[in-house]
N, C-alpha and C. Protein backbone atom coordinates (compact mmCIF):
# COMPACT_ATOMS: atom_id res chain seq x y z
N MET A 1 85.65 34.42 108.22
CA MET A 1 85.04 35.83 107.15
C MET A 1 86.19 36.94 107.98
N LEU A 2 86.54 37.66 107.30
CA LEU A 2 87.47 38.82 107.19
C LEU A 2 86.29 40.09 107.80
N HIS A 3 86.46 40.87 109.12
CA HIS A 3 85.40 41.79 109.49
C HIS A 3 86.54 42.80 109.55
N ILE A 4 85.90 43.94 108.93
CA ILE A 4 86.60 45.31 108.97
C ILE A 4 85.57 46.27 110.20
N SER A 5 85.91 46.84 110.96
CA SER A 5 84.98 47.81 111.65
C SER A 5 85.07 49.03 110.77
N LYS A 6 83.84 49.81 111.27
CA LYS A 6 83.77 51.22 110.58
C LYS A 6 84.57 51.91 111.11
N LYS A 7 85.22 52.03 112.53
CA LYS A 7 86.16 52.67 112.89
C LYS A 7 87.71 52.77 112.03
N ASP A 8 87.79 51.29 111.54
CA ASP A 8 89.14 51.02 110.75
C ASP A 8 88.92 51.95 109.33
N ILE A 9 87.67 51.73 109.02
CA ILE A 9 87.44 52.28 107.52
C ILE A 9 87.47 53.75 107.41
N MET A 10 87.09 54.04 108.53
CA MET A 10 87.16 55.79 108.72
C MET A 10 88.51 56.03 108.97
N ARG A 11 89.56 55.84 109.86
CA ARG A 11 90.84 55.95 109.75
C ARG A 11 91.26 55.91 108.48
N LYS A 12 91.11 54.62 107.74
CA LYS A 12 91.72 54.47 106.17
C LYS A 12 91.08 55.30 105.45
N PHE A 13 90.23 56.15 105.42
CA PHE A 13 89.68 57.18 104.31
C PHE A 13 90.30 58.74 105.13
N ILE A 14 90.25 58.87 106.42
CA ILE A 14 90.92 60.18 106.62
C ILE A 14 92.24 60.13 106.23
N LEU A 15 92.92 58.82 106.62
CA LEU A 15 94.29 58.84 106.27
C LEU A 15 94.80 58.91 104.43
N LEU A 16 93.56 58.50 103.63
CA LEU A 16 94.01 58.47 102.33
C LEU A 16 93.46 60.07 102.08
N SER A 17 92.48 60.53 102.72
CA SER A 17 92.40 62.18 102.27
C SER A 17 93.57 63.05 102.65
N PHE A 18 94.01 62.84 103.84
CA PHE A 18 95.20 63.76 104.08
C PHE A 18 96.31 63.74 102.76
N LEU A 19 96.70 62.43 102.45
CA LEU A 19 97.74 62.01 101.73
C LEU A 19 97.48 62.77 100.48
N LEU A 20 95.89 62.40 99.71
CA LEU A 20 95.50 63.06 98.75
C LEU A 20 95.71 64.83 98.57
N PHE A 21 95.15 65.09 99.65
CA PHE A 21 95.08 66.50 99.87
C PHE A 21 96.53 66.94 99.87
N PHE A 22 97.26 66.41 100.64
CA PHE A 22 99.13 67.34 100.77
C PHE A 22 99.76 66.98 99.63
N THR A 23 99.45 66.01 98.55
CA THR A 23 99.96 65.60 97.39
C THR A 23 99.61 66.63 96.41
N THR A 24 98.51 67.03 96.51
CA THR A 24 97.44 68.07 95.15
C THR A 24 98.04 69.32 95.82
N PHE A 25 98.24 69.76 97.38
CA PHE A 25 98.91 70.90 97.46
C PHE A 25 100.31 70.94 96.98
N PHE A 26 101.16 70.07 97.22
CA PHE A 26 102.46 70.12 97.12
C PHE A 26 102.66 70.28 95.38
N LEU A 27 101.92 69.66 94.86
CA LEU A 27 102.01 69.76 93.33
C LEU A 27 101.55 71.15 92.48
N HIS A 28 100.52 71.45 93.33
CA HIS A 28 100.20 72.66 92.89
C HIS A 28 101.22 73.96 93.30
N ALA A 29 101.72 73.94 94.34
CA ALA A 29 102.66 74.64 94.70
C ALA A 29 103.87 74.64 94.10
N GLN A 30 104.41 73.69 93.72
CA GLN A 30 105.51 73.40 92.91
C GLN A 30 105.19 74.15 91.50
N ASN A 31 104.27 73.95 90.97
CA ASN A 31 103.85 74.45 89.53
C ASN A 31 104.04 75.90 89.75
N ASN A 32 103.51 76.57 91.07
CA ASN A 32 103.21 78.01 91.25
C ASN A 32 104.54 78.63 91.37
N LYS A 33 105.78 78.38 91.53
CA LYS A 33 106.90 78.43 92.09
C LYS A 33 107.48 79.74 91.42
N ASN A 34 107.50 81.06 91.70
CA ASN A 34 108.06 82.19 91.05
C ASN A 34 109.57 81.82 90.88
N THR A 35 110.07 82.30 89.71
CA THR A 35 111.34 81.90 89.29
C THR A 35 112.29 83.02 90.15
N ALA A 36 113.46 82.79 90.40
CA ALA A 36 114.11 83.75 91.19
C ALA A 36 114.79 84.92 90.43
N PHE A 37 114.43 85.99 90.91
CA PHE A 37 114.81 87.23 90.27
C PHE A 37 116.36 87.53 89.95
N THR A 38 116.87 86.79 91.06
CA THR A 38 118.24 86.90 90.61
C THR A 38 119.06 85.77 90.25
N ASP A 39 120.33 86.01 89.14
CA ASP A 39 120.88 84.69 88.54
C ASP A 39 120.00 84.12 87.60
N THR A 40 118.85 84.90 86.72
CA THR A 40 117.94 84.47 86.16
C THR A 40 118.32 85.07 84.72
N GLN A 41 118.26 84.44 83.61
CA GLN A 41 118.40 85.20 82.40
C GLN A 41 117.09 85.33 82.00
N TRP A 42 116.94 86.62 82.04
CA TRP A 42 115.22 87.21 81.69
C TRP A 42 115.38 87.58 80.18
N ASN A 43 114.58 87.11 79.28
CA ASN A 43 114.65 87.35 77.80
C ASN A 43 113.66 88.58 77.68
N LEU A 44 113.86 89.61 76.91
CA LEU A 44 112.99 90.78 76.75
C LEU A 44 111.67 90.09 75.42
N THR A 45 110.71 90.22 75.77
CA THR A 45 109.51 89.55 74.95
C THR A 45 108.62 90.63 74.42
N ASN A 46 108.78 91.57 75.28
CA ASN A 46 107.52 92.71 75.10
C ASN A 46 107.95 94.19 75.85
N LEU A 47 108.16 95.19 75.03
CA LEU A 47 108.70 96.48 75.10
C LEU A 47 107.87 97.60 74.61
N ASN A 48 107.09 98.05 75.52
CA ASN A 48 106.25 99.09 75.42
C ASN A 48 104.79 98.80 74.35
N GLU A 49 104.32 97.67 74.71
CA GLU A 49 103.06 96.56 74.06
C GLU A 49 103.51 96.45 72.81
N LYS A 50 104.97 96.48 72.42
CA LYS A 50 105.84 95.69 70.74
C LYS A 50 106.22 94.63 71.30
N VAL A 51 105.77 93.54 70.58
CA VAL A 51 106.54 92.30 70.50
C VAL A 51 108.04 92.41 69.98
N ILE A 52 108.77 91.61 70.87
CA ILE A 52 110.43 91.62 70.69
C ILE A 52 110.92 90.37 70.18
N ASN A 53 111.25 90.17 69.10
CA ASN A 53 111.74 88.74 68.51
C ASN A 53 113.30 88.91 68.92
N ALA A 54 114.30 87.66 68.90
CA ALA A 54 115.54 87.78 68.65
C ALA A 54 115.96 88.46 67.15
N ASN A 55 117.34 88.84 67.58
CA ASN A 55 118.10 89.63 66.24
C ASN A 55 118.14 88.86 65.12
N ASP A 56 118.75 89.05 64.08
CA ASP A 56 119.09 88.51 62.87
C ASP A 56 119.68 87.05 62.97
N GLU A 57 120.50 87.19 64.14
CA GLU A 57 121.67 85.99 64.28
C GLU A 57 120.92 85.11 65.20
N GLY A 58 119.74 85.25 65.65
CA GLY A 58 118.83 84.45 66.43
C GLY A 58 119.39 84.75 67.99
N VAL A 59 119.79 86.01 68.34
CA VAL A 59 120.07 86.14 69.99
C VAL A 59 119.16 86.81 70.35
N LYS A 60 118.55 86.71 71.62
CA LYS A 60 117.50 87.49 72.41
C LYS A 60 118.25 88.55 73.09
N SER A 61 117.58 89.52 73.16
CA SER A 61 117.81 90.73 74.28
C SER A 61 117.34 90.12 75.59
N PHE A 62 118.27 90.24 76.73
CA PHE A 62 118.03 89.73 77.79
C PHE A 62 118.61 90.66 78.86
N ILE A 63 118.41 90.25 80.31
CA ILE A 63 119.04 91.24 81.16
C ILE A 63 119.30 90.03 82.58
N VAL A 64 120.07 90.12 83.21
CA VAL A 64 120.52 89.38 84.39
C VAL A 64 120.56 90.32 85.63
N PHE A 65 119.76 90.03 86.49
CA PHE A 65 120.13 90.87 87.74
C PHE A 65 121.10 89.94 88.91
N LEU A 66 122.22 90.39 89.16
CA LEU A 66 123.24 89.76 89.86
C LEU A 66 122.92 89.89 91.64
N PRO A 67 122.99 88.95 92.32
CA PRO A 67 122.74 89.26 93.78
C PRO A 67 123.74 90.61 94.70
N ASP A 68 124.65 91.09 93.93
CA ASP A 68 125.66 91.91 94.08
C ASP A 68 125.13 93.51 93.89
N ASN A 69 123.58 93.55 93.25
CA ASN A 69 123.04 94.52 92.98
C ASN A 69 123.47 95.22 91.83
N THR A 70 123.97 94.03 90.91
CA THR A 70 124.37 95.03 89.54
C THR A 70 123.63 94.05 88.45
N PHE A 71 123.64 94.41 87.24
CA PHE A 71 122.90 93.76 86.08
C PHE A 71 123.76 93.85 84.84
N LYS A 72 123.52 92.77 84.04
CA LYS A 72 124.32 92.67 83.05
C LYS A 72 122.96 92.44 81.80
N GLY A 73 123.18 92.55 80.61
CA GLY A 73 122.63 92.22 79.51
C GLY A 73 122.93 92.30 78.28
N PHE A 74 122.19 92.19 77.39
CA PHE A 74 122.28 92.55 75.65
C PHE A 74 121.21 92.91 75.37
N SER A 75 121.50 94.01 74.49
CA SER A 75 119.92 94.75 73.97
C SER A 75 119.70 94.60 72.42
N GLY A 76 120.62 93.25 72.10
CA GLY A 76 119.89 92.97 70.51
C GLY A 76 121.24 93.51 69.52
N CYS A 77 122.04 94.20 70.26
CA CYS A 77 123.26 94.64 69.59
C CYS A 77 124.38 94.96 70.26
N ASN A 78 124.20 95.66 71.59
CA ASN A 78 125.52 96.00 72.44
C ASN A 78 124.86 95.26 73.71
N ARG A 79 126.03 95.16 74.48
CA ARG A 79 125.72 94.45 75.73
C ARG A 79 125.90 95.57 76.41
N PHE A 80 125.01 95.69 77.86
CA PHE A 80 125.09 97.01 78.88
C PHE A 80 125.13 96.31 80.15
N GLN A 81 125.41 97.17 81.17
CA GLN A 81 125.47 96.75 82.61
C GLN A 81 125.07 97.90 83.61
N GLY A 82 125.07 97.80 84.63
CA GLY A 82 124.67 98.78 85.88
C GLY A 82 124.49 98.28 86.99
N THR A 83 123.97 99.17 87.39
CA THR A 83 123.63 98.66 89.13
C THR A 83 121.89 98.82 89.23
N TYR A 84 121.52 98.44 90.27
CA TYR A 84 119.97 98.41 90.70
C TYR A 84 119.90 98.22 92.25
N LYS A 85 118.69 99.29 92.71
CA LYS A 85 118.51 99.00 94.18
C LYS A 85 116.92 98.83 94.36
N ILE A 86 116.66 97.92 95.04
CA ILE A 86 115.24 97.45 95.54
C ILE A 86 114.92 97.82 97.00
N THR A 87 113.98 98.55 96.90
CA THR A 87 113.05 98.83 98.18
C THR A 87 111.38 98.17 98.07
N LYS A 88 111.07 97.23 98.75
CA LYS A 88 110.06 96.25 98.45
C LYS A 88 109.95 96.22 97.17
N ASN A 89 108.54 96.45 96.54
CA ASN A 89 108.52 96.21 95.22
C ASN A 89 108.65 97.39 94.15
N LYS A 90 109.92 98.30 94.56
CA LYS A 90 110.30 99.33 94.05
C LYS A 90 111.77 98.98 93.41
N ILE A 91 112.17 99.45 92.02
CA ILE A 91 113.34 99.15 91.65
C ILE A 91 114.00 100.53 90.84
N LYS A 92 115.12 100.86 90.84
CA LYS A 92 116.03 101.74 90.78
C LYS A 92 117.16 101.18 89.77
N LEU A 93 117.08 101.42 88.39
CA LEU A 93 118.36 101.06 87.55
C LEU A 93 119.00 102.10 87.39
N SER A 94 120.59 102.19 87.54
CA SER A 94 121.36 103.32 87.19
C SER A 94 122.62 103.12 86.88
N SER A 95 123.32 103.84 86.46
CA SER A 95 124.76 103.70 85.82
C SER A 95 124.69 102.83 84.93
N ILE A 96 123.70 102.86 84.12
CA ILE A 96 123.59 102.31 82.81
C ILE A 96 125.14 102.26 81.72
N GLY A 97 125.62 101.53 81.43
CA GLY A 97 126.64 101.82 80.17
C GLY A 97 126.75 100.72 79.09
N LEU A 98 127.30 100.96 78.20
CA LEU A 98 126.88 100.14 77.08
C LEU A 98 127.93 99.86 76.00
N THR A 99 128.30 98.82 75.32
CA THR A 99 129.45 98.79 74.61
C THR A 99 129.14 99.44 73.32
N LYS A 100 130.06 99.97 72.54
CA LYS A 100 129.51 101.02 71.22
C LYS A 100 129.91 100.28 70.14
N MET A 101 128.96 98.79 69.66
CA MET A 101 129.03 98.43 68.52
C MET A 101 128.27 99.11 67.56
N PHE A 102 128.76 98.77 66.36
CA PHE A 102 127.85 99.57 65.00
C PHE A 102 126.74 98.51 64.96
N CYS A 103 125.23 99.20 64.68
CA CYS A 103 124.00 97.99 64.59
C CYS A 103 123.61 98.71 63.18
N GLU A 104 123.78 97.66 62.37
CA GLU A 104 123.15 98.38 60.97
C GLU A 104 121.25 98.30 61.05
N LYS A 105 120.80 97.65 61.82
CA LYS A 105 119.36 97.66 62.01
C LYS A 105 119.05 98.28 63.36
N ASP A 106 117.60 99.06 63.23
CA ASP A 106 117.11 99.33 64.31
C ASP A 106 116.55 98.60 65.05
N ASN A 107 117.23 98.40 66.57
CA ASN A 107 116.65 96.80 67.39
C ASN A 107 116.28 97.07 68.58
N ASN A 108 115.69 98.55 68.92
CA ASN A 108 114.81 98.78 70.00
C ASN A 108 115.92 99.08 71.13
N GLU A 109 117.23 99.05 70.55
CA GLU A 109 118.23 99.20 71.73
C GLU A 109 117.97 100.47 72.70
N ARG A 110 117.86 101.88 71.88
CA ARG A 110 117.26 103.07 72.68
C ARG A 110 116.44 103.04 73.52
N GLU A 111 115.21 102.40 72.76
CA GLU A 111 113.98 102.32 73.61
C GLU A 111 114.11 101.57 74.97
N LEU A 112 114.64 100.14 74.74
CA LEU A 112 115.17 99.51 75.75
C LEU A 112 115.99 100.12 76.82
N ILE A 113 116.71 100.81 76.57
CA ILE A 113 117.66 101.35 77.63
C ILE A 113 117.02 102.58 78.48
N LYS A 114 116.34 103.62 77.45
CA LYS A 114 115.41 104.59 78.03
C LYS A 114 114.49 103.73 79.11
N ALA A 115 114.08 102.65 78.76
CA ALA A 115 112.78 102.18 79.51
C ALA A 115 113.36 101.69 80.70
N LEU A 116 114.57 101.14 80.70
CA LEU A 116 115.20 100.39 81.90
C LEU A 116 115.84 101.76 82.92
N GLU A 117 116.01 102.71 82.19
CA GLU A 117 116.49 103.90 83.07
C GLU A 117 115.13 104.56 83.69
N LYS A 118 113.91 104.27 83.14
CA LYS A 118 112.80 105.15 83.61
C LYS A 118 112.00 103.84 84.75
N ALA A 119 112.37 102.79 84.57
CA ALA A 119 111.44 101.69 85.67
C ALA A 119 111.74 102.04 86.73
N THR A 120 110.29 101.87 87.78
CA THR A 120 110.10 102.11 89.06
C THR A 120 109.64 101.14 89.92
N SER A 121 109.25 100.48 89.34
CA SER A 121 108.59 98.72 89.91
C SER A 121 108.85 97.56 89.16
N PHE A 122 108.84 96.70 89.93
CA PHE A 122 109.01 95.20 89.23
C PHE A 122 108.09 94.29 89.88
N LYS A 123 107.78 93.18 89.11
CA LYS A 123 106.81 91.81 89.85
C LYS A 123 107.54 90.75 89.02
N VAL A 124 107.48 89.87 89.74
CA VAL A 124 107.76 88.27 89.22
C VAL A 124 106.85 87.64 89.45
N ASN A 125 106.41 86.69 88.01
CA ASN A 125 105.09 85.85 88.22
C ASN A 125 105.48 84.72 87.67
N ASN A 126 105.47 83.71 88.19
CA ASN A 126 105.89 82.45 87.79
C ASN A 126 107.10 82.89 86.60
N ASN A 127 107.25 82.45 85.42
CA ASN A 127 108.44 82.70 85.13
C ASN A 127 108.59 84.00 84.07
N GLN A 128 107.63 85.11 84.51
CA GLN A 128 107.74 86.42 83.92
C GLN A 128 108.19 87.64 85.11
N LEU A 129 108.98 88.51 84.32
CA LEU A 129 109.39 89.62 84.95
C LEU A 129 108.74 90.94 84.42
N VAL A 130 108.00 91.63 85.11
CA VAL A 130 107.59 92.70 84.50
C VAL A 130 108.06 94.08 85.07
N LEU A 131 108.74 95.02 84.16
CA LEU A 131 109.19 96.43 84.75
C LEU A 131 108.49 97.48 84.43
N LYS A 132 107.98 98.31 85.20
CA LYS A 132 106.81 99.50 85.12
C LYS A 132 107.56 100.70 85.23
N GLY A 133 107.09 101.22 84.82
CA GLY A 133 107.39 102.94 84.97
C GLY A 133 106.53 103.82 84.71
N LYS A 134 106.59 105.23 84.89
CA LYS A 134 105.63 105.97 84.83
C LYS A 134 105.34 106.30 83.52
N ARG A 135 104.06 106.72 83.08
CA ARG A 135 103.50 107.20 81.92
C ARG A 135 103.61 105.61 80.97
N HIS A 136 103.04 104.64 81.68
CA HIS A 136 102.59 103.11 80.80
C HIS A 136 104.08 102.81 79.96
N ILE A 137 105.72 102.82 80.88
CA ILE A 137 106.47 102.33 80.12
C ILE A 137 106.54 100.77 80.96
N ASN A 138 106.26 99.74 80.15
CA ASN A 138 106.18 98.58 80.41
C ASN A 138 107.37 97.51 79.86
N ILE A 139 108.02 96.57 80.71
CA ILE A 139 108.95 95.87 80.01
C ILE A 139 108.52 94.30 80.31
N LEU A 140 108.48 93.43 79.66
CA LEU A 140 108.04 91.97 80.03
C LEU A 140 109.32 91.24 79.41
N PHE A 141 109.78 90.44 80.22
CA PHE A 141 110.74 89.72 80.22
C PHE A 141 110.12 88.16 80.43
N GLU A 142 110.71 86.92 80.06
CA GLU A 142 110.49 85.86 80.50
C GLU A 142 111.65 85.21 80.92
N ALA A 143 111.59 84.20 81.63
CA ALA A 143 113.15 83.27 82.14
C ALA A 143 113.19 82.49 81.16
N GLU A 144 114.70 82.57 80.82
CA GLU A 144 115.43 81.10 80.00
C GLU A 144 114.84 80.08 80.76
N ASN A 145 114.35 79.04 79.49
CA ASN A 145 114.41 77.68 80.08
C ASN A 145 115.51 76.97 80.30
């Protein structure tokens, strides 16, 4: 007859509990990982509480922050670029330049560029980037999948 002591059962129970705990912790940590701020295409989804969709050609407005403190993007009609500086959770975007394509429809370009110029803080939460400025300026981006 097979005899298992209470001590052996306890050891196996503790080992199994640790394995279950660490597996759950690891999976939870993987699911809540923030997207990298730099080298990510951040697609514009909301500008000052207004939902933003892709343009008529199906192209989304976006911004990409590069590790060398520059950024580039697309406003829905024109491409733009500039520099940024981060101090803690504060951000300052400057030297914003645009191409000068003719845009037939109002595509929120001016409002986006003004909001980028006025952004003072940022937060990355999972796959979302929020830029905020004074006077309730909010820009919401989602990471490209």
